[in-house]
């Protein structure tokens, strides 16, 4: 997979947005950071399911990714982004716990987040690592799938 030429070409999925937010934007043809940044607040609020609170949260997350240094070295840039994320210590601890082959449900309970949050975090981690050509830790996805069927997701 080729890396984008500029940070504006990076997919909104890199921003840690919810699937609902990304899907709402994609339905309006907005798939990259540059396209989202080009929208005024008035235009963005016309998108279905886009309220002021959601828009503010999206702008904040996109700004965090957009602040990554404009460089050809995307590996370094995304490491900077990963390290700068809110709760990065918790996120790093969750990824390390996943690398130890612990189930996502157990990790979610330990860190006080929902299993789906752990799953999303790990999917983003895998996407970034795969995009950068770096090794990916093995995890217990089979344990997560088995326990997720019997355990209702917790609120994060």
Protein backbone atom coordinates (compact mmCIF):
# COMPACT_ATOMS: atom_id res chain seq x y z
CA UNK A 1 0.00 0.00 0.00
CA UNK A 2 1.37 3.41 -0.95
CA UNK A 3 1.38 6.16 1.62
CA UNK A 4 -0.40 9.42 0.74
CA UNK A 5 1.58 12.35 -0.67
CA UNK A 6 0.30 14.84 1.91
CA UNK A 7 -1.45 14.68 5.26
CA UNK A 8 -4.57 16.06 3.53
CA UNK A 9 -4.79 12.81 1.53
CA UNK A 10 -4.90 10.64 4.67
CA UNK A 11 -8.16 8.75 5.23
CA UNK A 12 -10.44 9.96 8.00
CA UNK A 13 -10.22 6.43 9.42
CA UNK A 14 -6.74 7.38 10.70
CA UNK A 15 -8.32 9.96 13.01
CA UNK A 16 -9.86 7.50 15.43
CA UNK A 17 -13.40 8.53 14.50
CA UNK A 18 -16.34 6.27 15.20
CA UNK A 19 -17.66 4.14 12.35
CA UNK A 20 -20.93 6.11 12.50
CA UNK A 21 -19.08 9.41 12.01
CA UNK A 22 -16.91 8.07 9.19
CA UNK A 23 -19.90 6.49 7.43
CA UNK A 24 -21.92 9.72 7.69
CA UNK A 25 -19.05 11.65 6.10
CA UNK A 26 -18.42 9.00 3.43
CA UNK A 27 -22.10 9.16 2.38
CA UNK A 28 -21.49 12.83 1.59
CA UNK A 29 -18.30 11.98 -0.33
CA UNK A 30 -15.89 13.14 2.39
CA UNK A 31 -13.16 10.53 2.88
CA UNK A 32 -9.94 12.43 3.57
CA UNK A 33 -8.66 14.93 6.11
CA UNK A 34 -8.31 17.59 3.39
CA UNK A 35 -11.93 17.22 2.29
CA UNK A 36 -13.14 17.45 5.91
CA UNK A 37 -10.97 20.50 6.65
CA UNK A 38 -12.36 22.24 3.55
CA UNK A 39 -15.91 22.09 4.98
CA UNK A 40 -17.20 25.10 6.86
CA UNK A 41 -19.05 24.41 10.12
CA UNK A 42 -22.33 25.39 8.44
CA UNK A 43 -21.74 22.88 5.62
CA UNK A 44 -20.68 20.16 8.07
CA UNK A 45 -23.77 20.63 10.22
CA UNK A 46 -25.97 19.95 7.17
CA UNK A 47 -24.63 16.37 7.07
CA UNK A 48 -27.18 13.93 8.57
CA UNK A 49 -26.33 12.84 12.15
CA UNK A 50 -23.86 15.73 12.53
CA UNK A 51 -24.56 17.82 15.63
CA UNK A 52 -22.41 20.57 17.10
CA UNK A 53 -20.92 18.30 19.78
CA UNK A 54 -20.00 15.62 17.24
CA UNK A 55 -18.58 18.24 14.87
CA UNK A 56 -16.45 19.75 17.67
CA UNK A 57 -15.12 16.28 18.57
CA UNK A 58 -14.37 15.50 14.91
CA UNK A 59 -12.58 18.82 14.40
CA UNK A 60 -10.46 18.14 17.50
CA UNK A 61 -9.48 14.63 16.35
CA UNK A 62 -8.76 15.74 12.78
CA UNK A 63 -6.69 18.66 14.10
CA UNK A 64 -4.58 16.20 16.10
CA UNK A 65 -3.81 14.23 12.95
CA UNK A 66 -3.35 17.38 10.83
CA UNK A 67 -0.78 18.68 13.31
CA UNK A 68 1.53 15.79 12.43
CA UNK A 69 4.65 17.27 10.83
CA UNK A 70 4.40 17.65 7.06
CA UNK A 71 7.10 15.22 6.09
CA UNK A 72 7.90 12.44 3.67
CA UNK A 73 8.67 10.24 6.68
CA UNK A 74 5.15 9.02 7.44
CA UNK A 75 6.42 6.29 9.74
CA UNK A 76 7.86 8.95 12.03
CA UNK A 77 4.81 11.18 11.58
CA UNK A 78 2.33 8.49 12.59
CA UNK A 79 4.51 7.46 15.53
CA UNK A 80 4.37 11.11 16.64
CA UNK A 81 0.58 11.04 16.21
CA UNK A 82 0.25 7.74 18.09
CA UNK A 83 2.37 9.07 20.98
CA UNK A 84 0.45 12.37 21.08
CA UNK A 85 -3.03 10.83 21.28
CA UNK A 86 -5.10 11.37 24.37
CA UNK A 87 -4.73 8.46 26.78
CA UNK A 88 -1.69 7.25 24.84
CA UNK A 89 -0.30 5.52 27.94
CA UNK A 90 -3.57 3.62 28.36
CA UNK A 91 -3.71 2.84 24.63
CA UNK A 92 -0.13 1.57 24.68
CA UNK A 93 -0.90 -0.58 27.74
CA UNK A 94 -3.95 -2.02 25.97
CA UNK A 95 -1.89 -2.87 22.86
CA UNK A 96 0.78 -4.48 25.06
CA UNK A 97 -1.91 -6.52 26.84
CA UNK A 98 -3.25 -7.65 23.47
CA UNK A 99 0.25 -8.70 22.44
CA UNK A 100 0.30 -10.98 25.52
CA UNK A 101 -2.68 -12.84 24.01
CA UNK A 102 -5.23 -11.63 26.57
CA UNK A 103 -8.86 -11.43 25.51
CA UNK A 104 -10.30 -8.06 24.53
CA UNK A 105 -13.17 -8.45 26.99
CA UNK A 106 -10.76 -8.95 29.92
CA UNK A 107 -8.68 -5.97 28.81
CA UNK A 108 -11.80 -3.81 28.42
CA UNK A 109 -12.87 -4.64 31.98
CA UNK A 110 -9.38 -3.93 33.34
CA UNK A 111 -9.11 -0.52 31.65
CA UNK A 112 -12.75 0.49 32.08
CA UNK A 113 -13.57 0.76 28.37
CA UNK A 114 -15.94 -1.16 26.11
CA UNK A 115 -14.74 -4.26 24.23
CA UNK A 116 -15.62 -2.47 21.00
CA UNK A 117 -13.27 0.39 21.99
CA UNK A 118 -10.45 -2.11 22.49
CA UNK A 119 -11.29 -3.72 19.15
CA UNK A 120 -11.33 -0.34 17.34
CA UNK A 121 -8.04 0.68 18.94
CA UNK A 122 -6.41 -2.56 17.85
CA UNK A 123 -7.86 -2.33 14.32
CA UNK A 124 -6.43 1.19 13.99
CA UNK A 125 -3.10 -0.04 15.37
CA UNK A 126 -3.03 -2.91 12.84
CA UNK A 127 -3.97 -0.55 10.00
CA UNK A 128 -1.19 1.91 10.86
CA UNK A 129 1.40 -0.86 11.33
CA UNK A 130 0.39 -2.59 8.10
CA UNK A 131 0.44 0.73 6.20
CA UNK A 132 3.93 1.43 7.52
CA UNK A 133 5.15 -2.10 6.82
CA UNK A 134 5.87 -2.81 10.50
CA UNK A 135 5.28 -6.12 12.35
CA UNK A 136 1.91 -6.60 14.04
CA UNK A 137 1.47 -8.24 17.45
CA UNK A 138 -0.60 -11.42 17.55
CA UNK A 139 -3.71 -11.36 19.73
CA UNK A 140 -6.55 -13.51 20.97
CA UNK A 141 -9.27 -12.46 18.53
CA UNK A 142 -10.91 -15.88 18.83
CA UNK A 143 -11.27 -15.38 22.60
CA UNK A 144 -12.81 -11.95 22.00
CA UNK A 145 -15.31 -13.27 19.48
CA UNK A 146 -16.36 -16.13 21.79
CA UNK A 147 -16.75 -13.95 24.89
CA UNK A 148 -18.33 -11.01 23.05
CA UNK A 149 -21.32 -13.20 22.17
CA UNK A 150 -22.10 -13.79 25.84
CA UNK A 151 -21.08 -10.42 27.31
CA UNK A 152 -22.95 -7.20 26.56
CA UNK A 153 -20.58 -4.35 25.64
CA UNK A 154 -19.78 -1.91 28.43
CA UNK A 155 -20.09 1.83 27.95
CA UNK A 156 -16.79 3.67 27.51
